[in-house]
Amino acid sequence: DFNGVLFEKGFSGKCYAQKVIVVGPFIPWKWSRIVFINGSILTYYIPNIEIIGVEYNIYNSMEFYDAEAQKLHRFKKAKVHEYPSEKGDKRWIVTAEEGRVFMVMKSYCKETFSFTNNFNFRYIENLVDVVDFQVEIEDRVITLQETGNGLGMVEDTSGFVI
């Protein structure tokens, strides 16, 4: 939580800070963490390699923490589809386990970092709003009505570091 002054005006809200230190080789990944108003959290992580234009997932995980039930649920076969927009506000459709998880996100801010000293790696950080959300858990279907709006970050990378 953050309370203070931003651009000479009082401000109150949420803040996210991250510092990453890499020592060694790494490959591209897709990662996101979305936090909903009720405290629920959805995270996915999919590192991958690309060979002749085809992506291969090395690992694939998605987790949803249901704040209401205080229970963590894991899903397999997460898929991330990215859709560019002429206005620059990309959209993502994220699914898992044949539609048991369905989420649409829209970016409102992005920052790109290119690491080109002795290697070629691109890191794109997108801040996103959740536009649509549904997760099927046991005998429940949870939607944005239950969780409230969701905000978070989508990381997308390409290239490699040796």
Foldseek 3Di string as FASTA:
>chain_A
DDWDADPNHTDDDDDDDDDDDDDDKDFWKKWKWKAFPLGKIKIWIWGWDADPRDIDTPDTWIWIQDSVVRDIDIFPDKDWDWAADPVGFIKIWIATDVRLKTWIKTFDDKDKDFDDDVWTKIKMKTKIKIPWIWHDDDPDIDICVVRPIMIIIIITMHTIDD
